[in-house]
Protein backbone atom coordinates (compact mmCIF):
# COMPACT_ATOMS: atom_id res chain seq x y z
CA UNK A 1 71.00 37.18 -65.37
CA UNK A 2 74.49 36.26 -66.60
CA UNK A 3 76.22 39.38 -67.94
CA UNK A 4 79.79 38.06 -67.82
CA UNK A 5 81.64 38.21 -71.12
CA UNK A 6 82.35 34.74 -72.49
CA UNK A 7 86.00 33.66 -72.52
CA UNK A 8 87.99 34.36 -75.69
CA UNK A 9 88.11 31.50 -78.17
CA UNK A 10 91.09 32.37 -80.33
CA UNK A 11 93.20 34.67 -78.14
CA UNK A 12 95.54 31.84 -77.01
CA UNK A 13 96.62 31.30 -80.64
CA UNK A 14 97.87 34.91 -81.00
CA UNK A 15 96.84 35.05 -84.65
CA UNK A 16 98.05 31.56 -85.58
CA UNK A 17 95.70 29.04 -87.18
CA UNK A 18 94.58 26.15 -84.95
CA UNK A 19 95.31 22.67 -86.34
CA UNK A 20 92.83 21.63 -89.04
CA UNK A 21 91.61 18.09 -89.68
CA UNK A 22 92.04 16.69 -93.18
CA UNK A 23 88.32 16.77 -94.03
CA UNK A 24 88.14 20.50 -93.28
CA UNK A 25 91.20 21.37 -95.32
CA UNK A 26 89.88 19.32 -98.23
CA UNK A 27 86.50 21.04 -98.07
CA UNK A 28 88.07 24.51 -98.15
CA UNK A 29 90.34 23.41 -101.00
CA UNK A 30 87.16 22.97 -103.05
CA UNK A 31 87.03 26.71 -103.57
CA UNK A 32 83.80 28.34 -104.78
CA UNK A 33 83.28 30.64 -107.71
CA UNK A 34 82.97 34.11 -106.19
CA UNK A 35 80.79 36.73 -107.83
CA UNK A 36 78.68 39.76 -106.96
CA UNK A 37 75.15 40.34 -108.25
CA UNK A 38 73.50 43.74 -108.00
CA UNK A 39 70.08 43.62 -106.32
CA UNK A 40 68.17 46.86 -105.73
CA UNK A 41 71.37 48.88 -106.03
CA UNK A 42 73.55 46.75 -103.73
CA UNK A 43 76.19 44.24 -104.85
CA UNK A 44 75.52 40.88 -103.14
CA UNK A 45 78.47 38.57 -102.49
CA UNK A 46 77.79 35.14 -104.01
CA UNK A 47 79.67 31.84 -103.59
CA UNK A 48 78.88 28.94 -105.94
CA UNK A 49 79.84 25.27 -106.07
CA UNK A 50 78.78 22.56 -108.54
CA UNK A 51 77.55 22.71 -112.10
CA UNK A 52 74.58 24.68 -113.34
CA UNK A 53 71.72 22.39 -114.29
CA UNK A 54 71.98 20.28 -111.16
CA UNK A 55 69.29 20.65 -108.48
CA UNK A 56 69.71 23.98 -106.72
CA UNK A 57 70.60 24.38 -103.05
CA UNK A 58 70.53 27.94 -101.66
CA UNK A 59 72.24 28.52 -98.29
CA UNK A 60 71.28 31.54 -96.18
CA UNK A 61 73.26 32.68 -93.13
CA UNK A 62 72.18 34.38 -89.92
CA UNK A 63 72.53 37.94 -88.64
CA UNK A 64 76.02 39.44 -88.73
CA UNK A 65 77.31 36.31 -90.46
CA UNK A 66 78.19 35.80 -94.15
CA UNK A 67 78.41 33.29 -96.98
CA UNK A 68 81.71 31.77 -95.83
CA UNK A 69 79.94 30.24 -92.83
CA UNK A 70 78.88 27.65 -95.42
CA UNK A 71 82.22 27.29 -97.23
CA UNK A 72 83.15 24.06 -95.41
CA UNK A 73 79.61 22.61 -95.68
CA UNK A 74 78.69 23.40 -99.30
CA UNK A 75 81.44 21.31 -100.97
CA UNK A 76 79.87 18.12 -99.61
CA UNK A 77 76.86 18.77 -101.88
CA UNK A 78 78.66 20.04 -104.97
CA UNK A 79 78.74 16.64 -106.71
CA UNK A 80 74.94 16.43 -106.73
CA UNK A 81 73.73 20.04 -106.51
CA UNK A 82 74.37 23.54 -107.74
CA UNK A 83 75.08 25.13 -104.35
CA UNK A 84 74.88 28.88 -103.80
CA UNK A 85 75.59 30.83 -100.62
CA UNK A 86 75.08 34.57 -100.39
CA UNK A 87 76.04 37.34 -98.00
CA UNK A 88 73.02 39.52 -97.35
CA UNK A 89 73.48 43.28 -97.81
CA UNK A 90 75.28 44.80 -94.85
CA UNK A 91 77.14 41.57 -94.14
CA UNK A 92 80.22 39.82 -95.45
CA UNK A 93 81.49 41.18 -98.77
CA UNK A 94 78.15 42.67 -99.83
CA UNK A 95 77.38 46.37 -100.07
CA UNK A 96 75.74 48.22 -97.22
CA UNK A 97 72.29 49.81 -97.57
CA UNK A 98 70.74 52.92 -96.09
CA UNK A 99 68.27 50.63 -94.31
CA UNK A 100 67.51 46.92 -94.05
CA UNK A 101 64.38 44.77 -93.90
CA UNK A 102 63.47 41.10 -94.15
CA UNK A 103 61.63 41.42 -97.47
CA UNK A 104 64.66 42.97 -99.16
CA UNK A 105 66.76 40.09 -97.82
CA UNK A 106 64.35 37.69 -99.52
CA UNK A 107 64.58 39.72 -102.74
CA UNK A 108 68.37 39.41 -102.59
CA UNK A 109 68.22 35.65 -102.09
CA UNK A 110 65.72 35.06 -104.90
CA UNK A 111 67.49 37.40 -107.33
CA UNK A 112 70.82 35.62 -106.78
CA UNK A 113 69.11 32.24 -107.15
CA UNK A 114 67.72 33.41 -110.48
CA UNK A 115 71.06 34.82 -111.64
CA UNK A 116 72.87 31.59 -110.75
CA UNK A 117 70.34 29.43 -112.66
CA UNK A 118 68.91 27.64 -109.63
CA UNK A 119 65.44 27.98 -111.16
CA UNK A 120 66.60 26.54 -114.49
CA UNK A 121 67.17 22.97 -113.26
CA UNK A 122 64.51 20.26 -113.76
CA UNK A 123 63.92 20.18 -109.99
CA UNK A 124 62.87 23.19 -107.95
CA UNK A 125 65.64 24.59 -105.71
CA UNK A 126 65.81 23.93 -101.99
CA UNK A 127 66.71 26.55 -99.38
CA UNK A 128 68.52 26.07 -96.06
CA UNK A 129 68.30 29.08 -93.75
CA UNK A 130 70.23 29.18 -90.48
CA UNK A 131 69.03 31.29 -87.56
CA UNK A 132 67.84 34.65 -88.96
CA UNK A 133 68.39 33.17 -92.40
CA UNK A 134 65.40 30.97 -91.55
CA UNK A 135 63.21 34.06 -91.24
CA UNK A 136 64.55 35.24 -94.59
CA UNK A 137 63.68 31.79 -95.99
CA UNK A 138 60.09 32.22 -94.83
CA UNK A 139 60.01 35.59 -96.57
CA UNK A 140 61.24 33.80 -99.72
CA UNK A 141 58.32 31.37 -99.41
CA UNK A 142 55.90 34.28 -99.12
CA UNK A 143 57.28 35.74 -102.34
CA UNK A 144 58.05 32.64 -104.42
CA UNK A 145 56.89 29.55 -102.54
CA UNK A 146 55.51 27.78 -105.61
CA UNK A 147 58.91 28.11 -107.29
CA UNK A 148 60.76 26.50 -104.37
CA UNK A 149 61.10 22.77 -103.80
CA UNK A 150 61.31 23.15 -100.04
CA UNK A 151 62.87 25.11 -97.19
CA UNK A 152 64.91 23.79 -94.23
CA UNK A 153 64.72 26.09 -91.21
CA UNK A 154 67.93 25.43 -89.24
CA UNK A 155 67.86 26.54 -85.60
CA UNK A 156 65.47 29.38 -86.36
CA UNK A 157 64.33 30.83 -82.99
CA UNK A 158 60.61 31.35 -83.63
CA UNK A 159 58.95 32.11 -80.28
CA UNK A 160 55.31 32.33 -79.31
CA UNK A 161 54.07 35.46 -77.53
CA UNK A 162 54.25 33.66 -74.18
CA UNK A 163 57.77 32.43 -74.86
CA UNK A 164 58.89 35.94 -75.80
CA UNK A 165 57.54 37.27 -72.49
CA UNK A 166 59.24 34.52 -70.49
CA UNK A 167 62.62 34.76 -72.20
CA UNK A 168 64.21 37.54 -70.17
CA UNK A 169 67.87 36.78 -70.87
CA UNK A 170 69.04 39.62 -73.17
CA UNK A 171 71.78 37.49 -74.76
CA UNK A 172 69.16 35.00 -75.93
CA UNK A 173 66.73 37.43 -77.52
CA UNK A 174 66.55 37.60 -81.30
CA UNK A 175 67.93 40.99 -82.34
CA UNK A 176 69.14 41.79 -78.83
CA UNK A 177 72.65 42.77 -79.88
CA UNK A 178 73.20 46.50 -79.72
CA UNK A 179 73.50 48.48 -82.94
CA UNK A 180 76.80 50.08 -81.97
CA UNK A 181 79.77 50.92 -84.23
CA UNK A 182 82.15 48.03 -84.80
CA UNK A 183 85.50 48.30 -83.06
CA UNK A 184 88.70 48.81 -85.06
CA UNK A 185 91.80 46.79 -84.16
CA UNK A 186 95.42 47.51 -85.01
CA UNK A 187 96.24 43.98 -86.23
CA UNK A 188 94.34 40.96 -87.56
CA UNK A 189 95.52 38.98 -84.53
CA UNK A 190 93.94 41.53 -82.19
CA UNK A 191 90.64 41.26 -84.05
CA UNK A 192 90.72 37.45 -84.06
CA UNK A 193 91.35 37.46 -80.32
CA UNK A 194 88.06 39.31 -79.77
CA UNK A 195 85.92 36.98 -81.88
CA UNK A 196 82.80 35.66 -80.12
CA UNK A 197 79.71 33.81 -81.22
CA UNK A 198 76.32 35.44 -80.71
CA UNK A 199 74.64 34.17 -78.65
CA UNK A 200 77.76 33.29 -76.65
CA UNK A 201 78.72 29.63 -76.57
CA UNK A 202 81.80 27.46 -76.14
CA UNK A 203 83.40 25.89 -79.18
CA UNK A 204 85.22 22.59 -79.51
CA UNK A 205 86.07 23.08 -83.20
CA UNK A 206 88.37 26.07 -82.91
CA UNK A 207 89.62 25.57 -86.46
CA UNK A 208 86.09 26.43 -87.64
CA UNK A 209 85.84 29.44 -85.33
CA UNK A 210 89.19 30.62 -86.69
CA UNK A 211 88.06 30.24 -90.31
CA UNK A 212 84.84 32.12 -89.65
CA UNK A 213 86.68 34.86 -87.75
CA UNK A 214 89.28 35.32 -90.50
CA UNK A 215 86.59 35.65 -93.14
CA UNK A 216 84.67 38.11 -90.92
CA UNK A 217 87.25 40.92 -90.80
CA UNK A 218 88.34 43.53 -93.32
CA UNK A 219 91.12 46.13 -93.48
CA UNK A 220 90.32 49.80 -92.93
CA UNK A 221 92.45 52.93 -93.12
CA UNK A 222 93.30 54.76 -89.89
CA UNK A 223 94.97 58.17 -89.51
CA UNK A 224 98.14 56.46 -88.28
CA UNK A 225 98.05 53.36 -90.49
CA UNK A 226 95.99 50.28 -91.26
CA UNK A 227 93.38 48.74 -89.00
CA UNK A 228 90.96 45.82 -89.01
CA UNK A 229 87.28 45.62 -88.22
CA UNK A 230 84.25 43.36 -88.70
CA UNK A 231 82.60 43.10 -92.10
CA UNK A 232 79.00 43.69 -90.98
CA UNK A 233 77.02 46.89 -90.68
CA UNK A 234 75.95 47.07 -87.01
CA UNK A 235 72.54 48.36 -88.09
CA UNK A 236 71.61 44.89 -89.38
CA UNK A 237 71.06 43.90 -85.75
CA UNK A 238 67.79 45.84 -85.82
CA UNK A 239 66.21 43.91 -88.74
CA UNK A 240 62.80 42.58 -87.68
CA UNK A 241 61.83 39.03 -88.76
CA UNK A 242 58.26 40.03 -89.60
CA UNK A 243 55.29 37.82 -88.79
CA UNK A 244 57.22 34.58 -89.14
CA UNK A 245 54.54 32.48 -87.47
CA UNK A 246 51.92 33.57 -89.99
CA UNK A 247 54.32 32.98 -92.87
CA UNK A 248 55.16 29.50 -91.60
CA UNK A 249 51.48 28.59 -91.25
CA UNK A 250 50.72 29.92 -94.73
CA UNK A 251 53.74 28.33 -96.42
CA UNK A 252 52.92 26.97 -99.88
CA UNK A 253 56.26 25.18 -100.11
CA UNK A 254 57.35 22.11 -98.08
CA UNK A 255 59.15 22.99 -94.84
CA UNK A 256 61.50 20.96 -92.64
CA UNK A 257 62.64 21.97 -89.16
CA UNK A 258 66.14 21.23 -87.84
CA UNK A 259 67.93 22.50 -84.78
CA UNK A 260 70.85 21.87 -82.44
CA UNK A 261 69.83 19.57 -79.63
CA UNK A 262 71.76 21.77 -77.16
CA UNK A 263 70.76 25.10 -78.72
CA UNK A 264 70.29 28.02 -76.34
CA UNK A 265 67.76 29.57 -78.75
CA UNK A 266 65.74 26.64 -80.08
CA UNK A 267 64.98 24.88 -76.82
CA UNK A 268 62.55 21.92 -76.79
CA UNK A 269 59.57 24.20 -76.17
CA UNK A 270 60.59 26.51 -79.02
CA UNK A 271 61.06 23.55 -81.36
CA UNK A 272 57.63 22.22 -80.34
CA UNK A 273 56.01 25.59 -81.03
CA UNK A 274 57.53 25.73 -84.51
CA UNK A 275 56.38 22.19 -85.24
CA UNK A 276 52.86 23.06 -84.06
CA UNK A 277 52.58 25.61 -86.87
CA UNK A 278 53.47 23.04 -89.56
CA UNK A 279 51.52 20.16 -91.14
CA UNK A 280 51.72 16.87 -89.18
CA UNK A 281 54.08 15.22 -91.71
CA UNK A 282 56.70 17.99 -91.47
CA UNK A 283 60.21 16.52 -90.97
CA UNK A 284 61.86 17.54 -87.68
CA UNK A 285 65.52 16.91 -86.97
CA UNK A 286 67.47 17.51 -83.77
CA UNK A 287 71.25 17.41 -84.35
CA UNK A 288 72.87 15.74 -81.29
CA UNK A 289 75.71 17.62 -79.64
CA UNK A 290 75.01 20.85 -81.55
CA UNK A 291 74.30 24.25 -80.09
CA UNK A 292 72.81 27.17 -82.01
CA UNK A 293 75.65 27.35 -84.54
CA UNK A 294 75.06 23.85 -85.81
CA UNK A 295 77.59 23.99 -88.66
CA UNK A 296 80.28 24.97 -86.16
CA UNK A 297 79.49 22.41 -83.47
CA UNK A 298 78.58 19.37 -85.58
CA UNK A 299 79.48 20.09 -89.22
CA UNK A 300 79.70 16.47 -90.39
CA UNK A 301 76.52 15.50 -88.54
CA UNK A 302 74.77 18.43 -90.23
CA UNK A 303 76.03 17.26 -93.62
CA UNK A 304 74.80 13.72 -92.91
CA UNK A 305 71.41 14.98 -91.70
CA UNK A 306 70.91 17.20 -94.74
CA UNK A 307 71.99 14.42 -97.11
CA UNK A 308 69.51 12.03 -95.53
CA UNK A 309 66.75 14.63 -95.63
CA UNK A 310 67.37 15.62 -99.25
CA UNK A 311 67.49 12.00 -100.38
CA UNK A 312 63.83 11.43 -99.46
CA UNK A 313 62.30 14.90 -99.09
CA UNK A 314 60.19 16.70 -100.17
CA UNK A 315 58.89 13.78 -102.25
């Protein structure tokens, strides 16, 4: 078992931004509309691109992530879609709850989709859920499948019972990250230096890691001055995905499966198990050169794959 802490990604920059390629800067320059919608008493951070009335595209992030993980992907679809990314309660800029569960996450996603007019377009909206966001997408299907045009499950680690027994590496288990208080740092640079991906992985696109890290911290007040900490409630680590296999088998909305070809979570056997629960014609896409965090490793390949998929699917 490998228990060594992965090397720091951003510490060598000492708080400075790594160089950004032109495409990335241009994508971020296409800034979203930022709003908050109250769902079951919690304000849910919402980012929107594109005009209302266009086909809807709802983007759902993974555990301990937030809507800005999509802020350099969503602009590529804004000319053709109304794109909405949310931060689930307890993550990003959304309110924290007393407790969390997968069905409430689905309620948040569907309520924001309704508020942002994704259900008002002539075509039914599509959902892309990354990692644990895939489990939330399946919960959305269970609640509103007939209202959805289709769901793309992106590197969602759905394991069979046998695979769960065999996977004994704690860092690779879904929900394995301890529910401990988040650490407070004295400066933003100190917080950025501690940023890691979960599960741990190397990163070639440090400009993306830096953007995600910067949008993942918030200021807090300390007795002796200001501090900085992470924007997620550590209790979200304990959210259970529910019976995702049963929900996938019972899906009454088209489903597509996509994953990083080098993912530590969706290995070939895991991808095959997910595909075995779907109808034979279900699209399956492996993104070459991508690990679990596909939008970080291969952002432009992900954009190209989603564009190709949406051009011919789910028709």
